[in-house]
Amino acid sequence: MEMRSYALDVLVKDPAILTDAEGLVSLLYQAAEAGGATVLKGQHHVFPNGALTAVLILAQSHLSAHTWPEYQLMNIDLFVYGQVKGEQILAELENQLAPLRTNLTCLVRAVP
């Protein structure tokens, strides 16, 4: 079974999107669904400056996001296996965030 770990750094044009906790959490759920992931539970926390940390526990591992509005930055971590389409999850997030720039790292992690 192949497992993949993704790290996506997203620089956004409008930092207001990074403090919209309800919108970002909804986006994470939509992206997970678009990639065929099963969300078991979600949790998020909003910091005093409006920054957000959110985690979705997936049947196939996890999806997390951390925002830094003061840097116009969102970091997304995704770890999946099986039939989940990680690239589709990330494409959905990128499409909705309309980034100025992204940096994606993918690590294939195989089980013997």
PDB file of N, CA and C in Angstrom:
ATOM      1  N   MET A   1       0.846  -1.175   0.000  1.00  0.00           N
ATOM      2  CA  MET A   1       0.000   0.000   0.000  1.00  0.00           C
ATOM      3  C   MET A   1       0.892   1.240   0.000  1.00  0.00           C
ATOM      4  N   GLU A   2       0.589   2.173  -0.882  1.00  0.00           N
ATOM      5  CA  GLU A   2       1.372   3.404  -0.959  1.00  0.00           C
ATOM      6  C   GLU A   2       0.758   4.476  -0.068  1.00  0.00           C
ATOM      7  N   MET A   3       1.624   5.147   0.648  1.00  0.00           N
ATOM      8  CA  MET A   3       1.207   6.280   1.467  1.00  0.00           C
ATOM      9  C   MET A   3       1.933   7.512   0.952  1.00  0.00           C
ATOM     10  N   ARG A   4       1.257   8.643   1.030  1.00  0.00           N
ATOM     11  CA  ARG A   4       1.866   9.889   0.581  1.00  0.00           C
ATOM     12  C   ARG A   4       1.690  10.956   1.652  1.00  0.00           C
ATOM     13  N   SER A   5       2.754  11.701   1.827  1.00  0.00           N
ATOM     14  CA  SER A   5       2.753  12.826   2.749  1.00  0.00           C
ATOM     15  C   SER A   5       3.005  14.090   1.934  1.00  0.00           C
ATOM     16  N   TYR A   6       2.120  15.079   2.061  1.00  0.00           N
ATOM     17  CA  TYR A   6       2.219  16.328   1.309  1.00  0.00           C
ATOM     18  C   TYR A   6       2.380  17.502   2.269  1.00  0.00           C
ATOM     19  N   ALA A   7       3.195  18.448   1.878  1.00  0.00           N
ATOM     20  CA  ALA A   7       3.301  19.727   2.576  1.00  0.00           C
ATOM     21  C   ALA A   7       3.095  20.810   1.519  1.00  0.00           C
ATOM     22  N   LEU A   8       2.086  21.625   1.707  1.00  0.00           N
ATOM     23  CA  LEU A   8       1.770  22.686   0.758  1.00  0.00           C
ATOM     24  C   LEU A   8       1.821  24.027   1.476  1.00  0.00           C
ATOM     25  N   ASP A   9       2.675  24.914   0.988  1.00  0.00           N
ATOM     26  CA  ASP A   9       2.757  26.282   1.498  1.00  0.00           C
ATOM     27  C   ASP A   9       2.053  27.182   0.487  1.00  0.00           C
ATOM     28  N   VAL A  10       1.140  28.002   0.970  1.00  0.00           N
ATOM     29  CA  VAL A  10       0.326  28.839   0.096  1.00  0.00           C
ATOM     30  C   VAL A  10       0.464  30.306   0.522  1.00  0.00           C
ATOM     31  N   LEU A  11       0.939  31.141  -0.389  1.00  0.00           N
ATOM     32  CA  LEU A  11       0.988  32.578  -0.170  1.00  0.00           C
ATOM     33  C   LEU A  11      -0.237  33.178  -0.853  1.00  0.00           C
ATOM     34  N   VAL A  12      -1.114  33.818  -0.064  1.00  0.00           N
ATOM     35  CA  VAL A  12      -2.359  34.343  -0.612  1.00  0.00           C
ATOM     36  C   VAL A  12      -2.290  35.847  -0.841  1.00  0.00           C
ATOM     37  N   LYS A  13      -3.134  36.311  -1.749  1.00  0.00           N
ATOM     38  CA  LYS A  13      -3.201  37.737  -2.065  1.00  0.00           C
ATOM     39  C   LYS A  13      -3.891  38.504  -0.940  1.00  0.00           C
ATOM     40  N   ASP A  14      -5.007  37.955  -0.466  1.00  0.00           N
ATOM     41  CA  ASP A  14      -5.823  38.631   0.532  1.00  0.00           C
ATOM     42  C   ASP A  14      -5.740  37.881   1.863  1.00  0.00           C
ATOM     43  N   PRO A  15      -5.041  38.430   2.859  1.00  0.00           N
ATOM     44  CA  PRO A  15      -4.903  37.729   4.140  1.00  0.00           C
ATOM     45  C   PRO A  15      -6.221  37.556   4.891  1.00  0.00           C
ATOM     46  N   ALA A  16      -7.265  38.284   4.498  1.00  0.00           N
ATOM     47  CA  ALA A  16      -8.568  38.135   5.169  1.00  0.00           C
ATOM     48  C   ALA A  16      -9.099  36.715   5.034  1.00  0.00           C
ATOM     49  N   ILE A  17      -8.765  36.049   3.944  1.00  0.00           N
ATOM     50  CA  ILE A  17      -9.223  34.667   3.760  1.00  0.00           C
ATOM     51  C   ILE A  17      -8.648  33.749   4.846  1.00  0.00           C
ATOM     52  N   LEU A  18      -7.498  34.133   5.396  1.00  0.00           N
ATOM     53  CA  LEU A  18      -6.819  33.300   6.386  1.00  0.00           C
ATOM     54  C   LEU A  18      -7.385  33.458   7.795  1.00  0.00           C
ATOM     55  N   THR A  19      -8.279  34.426   7.993  1.00  0.00           N
ATOM     56  CA  THR A  19      -8.911  34.602   9.298  1.00  0.00           C
ATOM     57  C   THR A  19     -10.398  34.240   9.263  1.00  0.00           C
ATOM     58  N   ASP A  20     -10.849  33.724   8.153  1.00  0.00           N
ATOM     59  CA  ASP A  20     -12.237  33.276   8.006  1.00  0.00           C
ATOM     60  C   ASP A  20     -12.312  31.808   8.435  1.00  0.00           C
ATOM     61  N   ALA A  21     -12.379  31.582   9.741  1.00  0.00           N
ATOM     62  CA  ALA A  21     -12.327  30.217  10.280  1.00  0.00           C
ATOM     63  C   ALA A  21     -13.434  29.344   9.708  1.00  0.00           C
ATOM     64  N   GLU A  22     -14.646  29.836   9.692  1.00  0.00           N
ATOM     65  CA  GLU A  22     -15.764  29.036   9.183  1.00  0.00           C
ATOM     66  C   GLU A  22     -15.552  28.658   7.720  1.00  0.00           C
ATOM     67  N   GLY A  23     -15.126  29.619   6.926  1.00  0.00           N
ATOM     68  CA  GLY A  23     -14.888  29.363   5.507  1.00  0.00           C
ATOM     69  C   GLY A  23     -13.751  28.394   5.262  1.00  0.00           C
ATOM     70  N   LEU A  24     -12.651  28.536   6.007  1.00  0.00           N
ATOM     71  CA  LEU A  24     -11.506  27.645   5.819  1.00  0.00           C
ATOM     72  C   LEU A  24     -11.805  26.220   6.271  1.00  0.00           C
ATOM     73  N   VAL A  25     -12.486  26.079   7.396  1.00  0.00           N
ATOM     74  CA  VAL A  25     -12.844  24.737   7.863  1.00  0.00           C
ATOM     75  C   VAL A  25     -13.769  24.071   6.856  1.00  0.00           C
ATOM     76  N   SER A  26     -14.732  24.818   6.347  1.00  0.00           N
ATOM     77  CA  SER A  26     -15.629  24.286   5.326  1.00  0.00           C
ATOM     78  C   SER A  26     -14.839  23.871   4.082  1.00  0.00           C
ATOM     79  N   LEU A  27     -13.873  24.683   3.689  1.00  0.00           N
ATOM     80  CA  LEU A  27     -13.030  24.368   2.534  1.00  0.00           C
ATOM     81  C   LEU A  27     -12.244  23.081   2.749  1.00  0.00           C
ATOM     82  N   LEU A  28     -11.725  22.871   3.950  1.00  0.00           N
ATOM     83  CA  LEU A  28     -10.994  21.635   4.241  1.00  0.00           C
ATOM     84  C   LEU A  28     -11.902  20.413   4.080  1.00  0.00           C
ATOM     85  N   TYR A  29     -13.121  20.504   4.588  1.00  0.00           N
ATOM     86  CA  TYR A  29     -14.074  19.403   4.438  1.00  0.00           C
ATOM     87  C   TYR A  29     -14.401  19.154   2.966  1.00  0.00           C
ATOM     88  N   GLN A  30     -14.633  20.230   2.210  1.00  0.00           N
ATOM     89  CA  GLN A  30     -14.950  20.093   0.786  1.00  0.00           C
ATOM     90  C   GLN A  30     -13.793  19.447   0.026  1.00  0.00           C
ATOM     91  N   ALA A  31     -12.576  19.884   0.333  1.00  0.00           N
ATOM     92  CA  ALA A  31     -11.401  19.341  -0.357  1.00  0.00           C
ATOM     93  C   ALA A  31     -11.217  17.866  -0.032  1.00  0.00           C
ATOM     94  N   ALA A  32     -11.393  17.502   1.238  1.00  0.00           N
ATOM     95  CA  ALA A  32     -11.266  16.099   1.635  1.00  0.00           C
ATOM     96  C   ALA A  32     -12.279  15.244   0.882  1.00  0.00           C
ATOM     97  N   GLU A  33     -13.501  15.738   0.797  1.00  0.00           N
ATOM     98  CA  GLU A  33     -14.551  15.004   0.073  1.00  0.00           C
ATOM     99  C   GLU A  33     -14.209  14.881  -1.414  1.00  0.00           C
ATOM    100  N   ALA A  34     -13.696  15.963  -1.994  1.00  0.00           N
ATOM    101  CA  ALA A  34     -13.344  15.948  -3.421  1.00  0.00           C
ATOM    102  C   ALA A  34     -12.276  14.906  -3.737  1.00  0.00           C
ATOM    103  N   GLY A  35     -11.413  14.638  -2.774  1.00  0.00           N
ATOM    104  CA  GLY A  35     -10.353  13.653  -2.981  1.00  0.00           C
ATOM    105  C   GLY A  35     -10.719  12.247  -2.534  1.00  0.00           C
ATOM    106  N   GLY A  36     -11.949  12.058  -2.091  1.00  0.00           N
ATOM    107  CA  GLY A  36     -12.395  10.728  -1.692  1.00  0.00           C
ATOM    108  C   GLY A  36     -12.013  10.319  -0.283  1.00  0.00           C
ATOM    109  N   ALA A  37     -11.633  11.278   0.549  1.00  0.00           N
ATOM    110  CA  ALA A  37     -11.272  10.967   1.940  1.00  0.00           C
ATOM    111  C   ALA A  37     -12.527  10.908   2.803  1.00  0.00           C
ATOM    112  N   THR A  38     -12.464  10.136   3.868  1.00  0.00           N
ATOM    113  CA  THR A  38     -13.552  10.024   4.828  1.00  0.00           C
ATOM    114  C   THR A  38     -13.160  10.773   6.096  1.00  0.00           C
ATOM    115  N   VAL A  39     -13.871  11.853   6.403  1.00  0.00           N
ATOM    116  CA  VAL A  39     -13.580  12.636   7.606  1.00  0.00           C
ATOM    117  C   VAL A  39     -14.263  11.983   8.798  1.00  0.00           C
ATOM    118  N   LEU A  40     -13.473  11.651   9.808  1.00  0.00           N
ATOM    119  CA  LEU A  40     -14.012  11.068  11.037  1.00  0.00           C
ATOM    120  C   LEU A  40     -14.336  12.136  12.072  1.00  0.00           C
ATOM    121  N   LYS A  41     -13.472  13.161  12.137  1.00  0.00           N
ATOM    122  CA  LYS A  41     -13.665  14.222  13.124  1.00  0.00           C
ATOM    123  C   LYS A  41     -12.837  15.427  12.725  1.00  0.00           C
ATOM    124  N   GLY A  42     -13.318  16.598  13.077  1.00  0.00           N
ATOM    125  CA  GLY A  42     -12.583  17.826  12.827  1.00  0.00           C
ATOM    126  C   GLY A  42     -12.485  18.656  14.090  1.00  0.00           C
ATOM    127  N   GLN A  43     -11.411  19.411  14.202  1.00  0.00           N
ATOM    128  CA  GLN A  43     -11.209  20.294  15.349  1.00  0.00           C
ATOM    129  C   GLN A  43     -10.429  21.506  14.866  1.00  0.00           C
ATOM    130  N   HIS A  44     -10.766  22.671  15.386  1.00  0.00           N
ATOM    131  CA  HIS A  44      -9.990  23.856  15.033  1.00  0.00           C
ATOM    132  C   HIS A  44      -9.918  24.821  16.210  1.00  0.00           C
ATOM    133  N   HIS A  45      -8.937  25.721  16.100  1.00  0.00           N
ATOM    134  CA  HIS A  45      -8.745  26.746  17.124  1.00  0.00           C
ATOM    135  C   HIS A  45      -8.396  28.054  16.431  1.00  0.00           C
ATOM    136  N   VAL A  46      -9.020  29.138  16.881  1.00  0.00           N
ATOM    137  CA  VAL A  46      -8.726  30.468  16.362  1.00  0.00           C
ATOM    138  C   VAL A  46      -7.929  31.215  17.427  1.00  0.00           C
ATOM    139  N   PHE A  47      -6.802  31.787  17.007  1.00  0.00           N
ATOM    140  CA  PHE A  47      -5.929  32.521  17.910  1.00  0.00           C
ATOM    141  C   PHE A  47      -6.351  33.990  17.979  1.00  0.00           C
ATOM    142  N   PRO A  48      -5.883  34.743  18.995  1.00  0.00           N
ATOM    143  CA  PRO A  48      -6.305  36.141  19.157  1.00  0.00           C
ATOM    144  C   PRO A  48      -6.098  37.017  17.917  1.00  0.00           C
ATOM    145  N   ASN A  49      -5.090  36.739  17.105  1.00  0.00           N
ATOM    146  CA  ASN A  49      -4.858  37.538  15.896  1.00  0.00           C
ATOM    147  C   ASN A  49      -5.693  37.060  14.708  1.00  0.00           C
ATOM    148  N   GLY A  50      -6.557  36.062  14.929  1.00  0.00           N
ATOM    149  CA  GLY A  50      -7.403  35.536  13.868  1.00  0.00           C
ATOM    150  C   GLY A  50      -6.812  34.349  13.136  1.00  0.00           C
ATOM    151  N   ALA A  51      -5.559  34.013  13.427  1.00  0.00           N
ATOM    152  CA  ALA A  51      -4.924  32.845  12.801  1.00  0.00           C
ATOM    153  C   ALA A  51      -5.681  31.582  13.204  1.00  0.00           C
ATOM    154  N   LEU A  52      -5.580  30.576  12.357  1.00  0.00           N
ATOM    155  CA  LEU A  52      -6.342  29.342  12.544  1.00  0.00           C
ATOM    156  C   LEU A  52      -5.425  28.127  12.489  1.00  0.00           C
ATOM    157  N   THR A  53      -5.671  27.174  13.350  1.00  0.00           N
ATOM    158  CA  THR A  53      -5.117  25.839  13.226  1.00  0.00           C
ATOM    159  C   THR A  53      -6.309  24.896  13.168  1.00  0.00           C
ATOM    160  N   ALA A  54      -6.337  24.045  12.142  1.00  0.00           N
ATOM    161  CA  ALA A  54      -7.446  23.110  11.974  1.00  0.00           C
ATOM    162  C   ALA A  54      -6.900  21.743  11.594  1.00  0.00           C
ATOM    163  N   VAL A  55      -7.537  20.709  12.112  1.00  0.00           N
ATOM    164  CA  VAL A  55      -7.135  19.335  11.823  1.00  0.00           C
ATOM    165  C   VAL A  55      -8.377  18.510  11.527  1.00  0.00           C
ATOM    166  N   LEU A  56      -8.329  17.771  10.434  1.00  0.00           N
ATOM    167  CA  LEU A  56      -9.363  16.784  10.138  1.00  0.00           C
ATOM    168  C   LEU A  56      -8.734  15.412  10.300  1.00  0.00           C
ATOM    169  N   ILE A  57      -9.329  14.605  11.140  1.00  0.00           N
ATOM    170  CA  ILE A  57      -8.905  13.222  11.286  1.00  0.00           C
ATOM    171  C   ILE A  57      -9.632  12.445  10.192  1.00  0.00           C
ATOM    172  N   LEU A  58      -8.867  11.833   9.331  1.00  0.00           N
ATOM    173  CA  LEU A  58      -9.426  11.068   8.217  1.00  0.00           C
ATOM    174  C   LEU A  58      -9.335   9.580   8.512  1.00  0.00           C
ATOM    175  N   ALA A  59     -10.230   8.807   7.960  1.00  0.00           N
ATOM    176  CA  ALA A  59     -10.108   7.352   8.056  1.00  0.00           C
ATOM    177  C   ALA A  59      -8.793   6.927   7.415  1.00  0.00           C
ATOM    178  N   GLN A  60      -8.287   7.757   6.498  1.00  0.00           N
ATOM    179  CA  GLN A  60      -7.057   7.455   5.768  1.00  0.00           C
ATOM    180  C   GLN A  60      -5.868   8.267   6.300  1.00  0.00           C
ATOM    181  N   SER A  61      -5.953   8.898   7.435  1.00  0.00           N
ATOM    182  CA  SER A  61      -4.908   9.606   8.162  1.00  0.00           C
ATOM    183  C   SER A  61      -5.348  11.006   8.546  1.00  0.00           C
ATOM    184  N   HIS A  62      -4.728  12.091   8.013  1.00  0.00           N
ATOM    185  CA  HIS A  62      -5.106  13.424   8.477  1.00  0.00           C
ATOM    186  C   HIS A  62      -4.844  14.521   7.442  1.00  0.00           C
ATOM    187  N   LEU A  63      -5.535  15.643   7.653  1.00  0.00           N
ATOM    188  CA  LEU A  63      -5.361  16.867   6.886  1.00  0.00           C
ATOM    189  C   LEU A  63      -5.334  18.001   7.904  1.00  0.00           C
ATOM    190  N   SER A  64      -4.284  18.810   7.874  1.00  0.00           N
ATOM    191  CA  SER A  64      -4.208  19.926   8.811  1.00  0.00           C
ATOM    192  C   SER A  64      -3.828  21.202   8.088  1.00  0.00           C
ATOM    193  N   ALA A  65      -4.216  22.322   8.692  1.00  0.00           N
ATOM    194  CA  ALA A  65      -3.912  23.630   8.118  1.00  0.00           C
ATOM    195  C   ALA A  65      -3.575  24.602   9.238  1.00  0.00           C
ATOM    196  N   HIS A  66      -2.627  25.458   8.953  1.00  0.00           N
ATOM    197  CA  HIS A  66      -2.193  26.486   9.893  1.00  0.00           C
ATOM    198  C   HIS A  66      -2.068  27.782   9.107  1.00  0.00           C
ATOM    199  N   THR A  67      -2.628  28.876   9.643  1.00  0.00           N
ATOM    200  CA  THR A  67      -2.545  30.149   8.924  1.00  0.00           C
ATOM    201  C   THR A  67      -1.743  31.166   9.715  1.00  0.00           C
ATOM    202  N   TRP A  68      -1.063  32.016   8.967  1.00  0.00           N
ATOM    203  CA  TRP A  68      -0.322  33.147   9.505  1.00  0.00           C
ATOM    204  C   TRP A  68      -0.746  34.369   8.682  1.00  0.00           C
ATOM    205  N   PRO A  69      -1.851  35.035   9.080  1.00  0.00           N
ATOM    206  CA  PRO A  69      -2.347  36.161   8.290  1.00  0.00           C
ATOM    207  C   PRO A  69      -1.313  37.278   8.144  1.00  0.00           C
ATOM    208  N   GLU A  70      -0.499  37.471   9.164  1.00  0.00           N
ATOM    209  CA  GLU A  70       0.498  38.548   9.110  1.00  0.00           C
ATOM    210  C   GLU A  70       1.557  38.308   8.035  1.00  0.00           C
ATOM    211  N   TYR A  71       1.687  37.069   7.581  1.00  0.00           N
ATOM    212  CA  TYR A  71       2.623  36.725   6.502  1.00  0.00           C
ATOM    213  C   TYR A  71       1.903  36.327   5.209  1.00  0.00           C
ATOM    214  N   GLN A  72       0.565  36.425   5.207  1.00  0.00           N
ATOM    215  CA  GLN A  72      -0.256  36.005   4.066  1.00  0.00           C
ATOM    216  C   GLN A  72      -0.002  34.531   3.728  1.00  0.00           C
ATOM    217  N   LEU A  73       0.207  33.715   4.739  1.00  0.00           N
ATOM    218  CA  LEU A  73       0.676  32.337   4.557  1.00  0.00           C
ATOM    219  C   LEU A  73      -0.267  31.315   5.189  1.00  0.00           C
ATOM    220  N   MET A  74      -0.466  30.232   4.457  1.00  0.00           N
ATOM    221  CA  MET A  74      -1.188  29.071   4.971  1.00  0.00           C
ATOM    222  C   MET A  74      -0.342  27.839   4.668  1.00  0.00           C
ATOM    223  N   ASN A  75      -0.129  27.025   5.687  1.00  0.00           N
ATOM    224  CA  ASN A  75       0.588  25.766   5.513  1.00  0.00           C
ATOM    225  C   ASN A  75      -0.400  24.626   5.687  1.00  0.00           C
ATOM    226  N   ILE A  76      -0.356  23.682   4.747  1.00  0.00           N
ATOM    227  CA  ILE A  76      -1.273  22.543   4.749  1.00  0.00           C
ATOM    228  C   ILE A  76      -0.454  21.265   4.759  1.00  0.00           C
ATOM    229  N   ASP A  77      -0.803  20.368   5.642  1.00  0.00           N
ATOM    230  CA  ASP A  77      -0.168  19.048   5.710  1.00  0.00           C
ATOM    231  C   ASP A  77      -1.234  17.998   5.462  1.00  0.00           C
ATOM    232  N   LEU A  78      -0.907  17.041   4.620  1.00  0.00           N
ATOM    233  CA  LEU A  78      -1.845  15.976   4.267  1.00  0.00           C
ATOM    234  C   LEU A  78      -1.089  14.662   4.243  1.00  0.00           C
ATOM    235  N   PHE A  79      -1.623  13.675   4.923  1.00  0.00           N
ATOM    236  CA  PHE A  79      -1.044  12.336   4.916  1.00  0.00           C
ATOM    237  C   PHE A  79      -2.173  11.376   4.588  1.00  0.00           C
ATOM    238  N   VAL A  80      -2.024  10.641   3.479  1.00  0.00           N
ATOM    239  CA  VAL A  80      -3.094   9.750   3.028  1.00  0.00           C
ATOM    240  C   VAL A  80      -2.531   8.446   2.484  1.00  0.00           C
ATOM    241  N   TYR A  81      -3.413   7.471   2.373  1.00  0.00           N
ATOM    242  CA  TYR A  81      -3.051   6.193   1.757  1.00  0.00           C
ATOM    243  C   TYR A  81      -4.271   5.648   1.036  1.00  0.00           C
ATOM    244  N   GLY A  82      -4.036   4.594   0.292  1.00  0.00           N
ATOM    245  CA  GLY A  82      -5.145   3.927  -0.389  1.00  0.00           C
ATOM    246  C   GLY A  82      -5.646   4.700  -1.589  1.00  0.00           C
ATOM    247  N   GLN A  83      -6.953   4.711  -1.754  1.00  0.00           N
ATOM    248  CA  GLN A  83      -7.583   5.287  -2.929  1.00  0.00           C
ATOM    249  C   GLN A  83      -7.793   6.804  -2.846  1.00  0.00           C
ATOM    250  N   VAL A  84      -7.408   7.411  -1.752  1.00  0.00           N
ATOM    251  CA  VAL A  84      -7.579   8.859  -1.609  1.00  0.00           C
ATOM    252  C   VAL A  84      -6.686   9.576  -2.609  1.00  0.00           C
ATOM    253  N   LYS A  85      -7.247  10.577  -3.255  1.00  0.00           N
ATOM    254  CA  LYS A  85      -6.521  11.351  -4.271  1.00  0.00           C
ATOM    255  C   LYS A  85      -5.974  12.626  -3.631  1.00  0.00           C
ATOM    256  N   GLY A  86      -4.777  12.524  -3.083  1.00  0.00           N
ATOM    257  CA  GLY A  86      -4.160  13.660  -2.397  1.00  0.00           C
ATOM    258  C   GLY A  86      -3.987  14.866  -3.293  1.00  0.00           C
ATOM    259  N   GLU A  87      -3.580  14.627  -4.534  1.00  0.00           N
ATOM    260  CA  GLU A  87      -3.386  15.748  -5.463  1.00  0.00           C
ATOM    261  C   GLU A  87      -4.695  16.485  -5.723  1.00  0.00           C
ATOM    262  N   GLN A  88      -5.791  15.763  -5.736  1.00  0.00           N
ATOM    263  CA  GLN A  88      -7.094  16.390  -5.958  1.00  0.00           C
ATOM    264  C   GLN A  88      -7.506  17.224  -4.745  1.00  0.00           C
ATOM    265  N   ILE A  89      -7.211  16.728  -3.560  1.00  0.00           N
ATOM    266  CA  ILE A  89      -7.500  17.493  -2.341  1.00  0.00           C
ATOM    267  C   ILE A  89      -6.750  18.817  -2.378  1.00  0.00           C
ATOM    268  N   LEU A  90      -5.470  18.750  -2.694  1.00  0.00           N
ATOM    269  CA  LEU A  90      -4.657  19.960  -2.717  1.00  0.00           C
ATOM    270  C   LEU A  90      -5.057  20.899  -3.851  1.00  0.00           C
ATOM    271  N   ALA A  91      -5.421  20.350  -4.991  1.00  0.00           N
ATOM    272  CA  ALA A  91      -5.868  21.186  -6.112  1.00  0.00           C
ATOM    273  C   ALA A  91      -7.136  21.944  -5.740  1.00  0.00           C
ATOM    274  N   GLU A  92      -8.041  21.287  -5.032  1.00  0.00           N
ATOM    275  CA  GLU A  92      -9.269  21.939  -4.589  1.00  0.00           C
ATOM    276  C   GLU A  92      -8.946  23.092  -3.638  1.00  0.00           C
ATOM    277  N   LEU A  93      -8.023  22.867  -2.715  1.00  0.00           N
ATOM    278  CA  LEU A  93      -7.627  23.929  -1.791  1.00  0.00           C
ATOM    279  C   LEU A  93      -6.993  25.094  -2.543  1.00  0.00           C
ATOM    280  N   GLU A  94      -6.070  24.795  -3.440  1.00  0.00           N
ATOM    281  CA  GLU A  94      -5.415  25.849  -4.222  1.00  0.00           C
ATOM    282  C   GLU A  94      -6.427  26.635  -5.047  1.00  0.00           C
ATOM    283  N   ASN A  95      -7.344  25.941  -5.674  1.00  0.00           N
ATOM    284  CA  ASN A  95      -8.343  26.592  -6.507  1.00  0.00           C
ATOM    285  C   ASN A  95      -9.164  27.599  -5.702  1.00  0.00           C
ATOM    286  N   GLN A  96      -9.556  27.238  -4.506  1.00  0.00           N
ATOM    287  CA  GLN A  96     -10.387  28.112  -3.682  1.00  0.00           C
ATOM    288  C   GLN A  96      -9.597  29.243  -3.026  1.00  0.00           C
ATOM    289  N   LEU A  97      -8.308  29.021  -2.767  1.00  0.00           N
ATOM    290  CA  LEU A  97      -7.498  30.038  -2.099  1.00  0.00           C
ATOM    291  C   LEU A  97      -6.928  31.071  -3.066  1.00  0.00           C
ATOM    292  N   ALA A  98      -6.918  30.770  -4.360  1.00  0.00           N
ATOM    293  CA  ALA A  98      -6.381  31.673  -5.388  1.00  0.00           C
ATOM    294  C   ALA A  98      -5.028  32.245  -4.964  1.00  0.00           C
ATOM    295  N   PRO A  99      -4.030  31.390  -4.797  1.00  0.00           N
ATOM    296  CA  PRO A  99      -2.740  31.840  -4.257  1.00  0.00           C
ATOM    297  C   PRO A  99      -1.910  32.669  -5.240  1.00  0.00           C
ATOM    298  N   LEU A 100      -1.045  33.486  -4.657  1.00  0.00           N
ATOM    299  CA  LEU A 100      -0.032  34.185  -5.432  1.00  0.00           C
ATOM    300  C   LEU A 100       1.090  33.222  -5.789  1.00  0.00           C
ATOM    301  N   ARG A 101       1.382  32.334  -4.831  1.00  0.00           N
ATOM    302  CA  ARG A 101       2.475  31.381  -5.026  1.00  0.00           C
ATOM    303  C   ARG A 101       2.247  30.173  -4.124  1.00  0.00           C
ATOM    304  N   THR A 102       2.677  29.012  -4.593  1.00  0.00           N
ATOM    305  CA  THR A 102       2.609  27.799  -3.774  1.00  0.00           C
ATOM    306  C   THR A 102       3.934  27.053  -3.843  1.00  0.00           C
ATOM    307  N   ASN A 103       4.145  26.244  -2.853  1.00  0.00           N
ATOM    308  CA  ASN A 103       5.294  25.348  -2.835  1.00  0.00           C
ATOM    309  C   ASN A 103       4.795  24.004  -2.307  1.00  0.00           C
ATOM    310  N   LEU A 104       4.906  22.962  -3.126  1.00  0.00           N
ATOM    311  CA  LEU A 104       4.403  21.644  -2.761  1.00  0.00           C
ATOM    312  C   LEU A 104       5.547  20.651  -2.656  1.00  0.00           C
ATOM    313  N   THR A 105       5.553  19.921  -1.567  1.00  0.00           N
ATOM    314  CA  THR A 105       6.495  18.828  -1.378  1.00  0.00           C
ATOM    315  C   THR A 105       5.690  17.567  -1.149  1.00  0.00           C
ATOM    316  N   CYS A 106       6.069  16.480  -1.841  1.00  0.00           N
ATOM    317  CA  CYS A 106       5.383  15.212  -1.686  1.00  0.00           C
ATOM    318  C   CYS A 106       6.414  14.139  -1.394  1.00  0.00           C
ATOM    319  N   LEU A 107       6.124  13.344  -0.408  1.00  0.00           N
ATOM    320  CA  LEU A 107       7.000  12.244  -0.036  1.00  0.00           C
ATOM    321  C   LEU A 107       6.193  10.950  -0.109  1.00  0.00           C
ATOM    322  N   VAL A 108       6.643  10.013  -0.955  1.00  0.00           N
ATOM    323  CA  VAL A 108       5.988   8.720  -1.034  1.00  0.00           C
ATOM    324  C   VAL A 108       6.555   7.857   0.076  1.00  0.00           C
ATOM    325  N   ARG A 109       5.656   7.292   0.862  1.00  0.00           N
ATOM    326  CA  ARG A 109       6.061   6.447   1.985  1.00  0.00           C
ATOM    327  C   ARG A 109       5.430   5.082   1.784  1.00  0.00           C
ATOM    328  N   ALA A 110       6.226   4.111   1.540  1.00  0.00           N
ATOM    329  CA  ALA A 110       5.722   2.770   1.230  1.00  0.00           C
ATOM    330  C   ALA A 110       5.826   1.845   2.429  1.00  0.00           C
ATOM    331  N   VAL A 111       4.901   0.915   2.470  1.00  0.00           N
ATOM    332  CA  VAL A 111       4.899  -0.116   3.494  1.00  0.00           C
ATOM    333  C   VAL A 111       5.500  -1.380   2.870  1.00  0.00           C
ATOM    334  N   PRO A 112       6.425  -2.044   3.567  1.00  0.00           N
ATOM    335  CA  PRO A 112       7.034  -3.248   2.979  1.00  0.00           C
ATOM    336  C   PRO A 112       6.026  -4.351   2.738  1.00  0.00           C
TER     337      PRO A 112
END
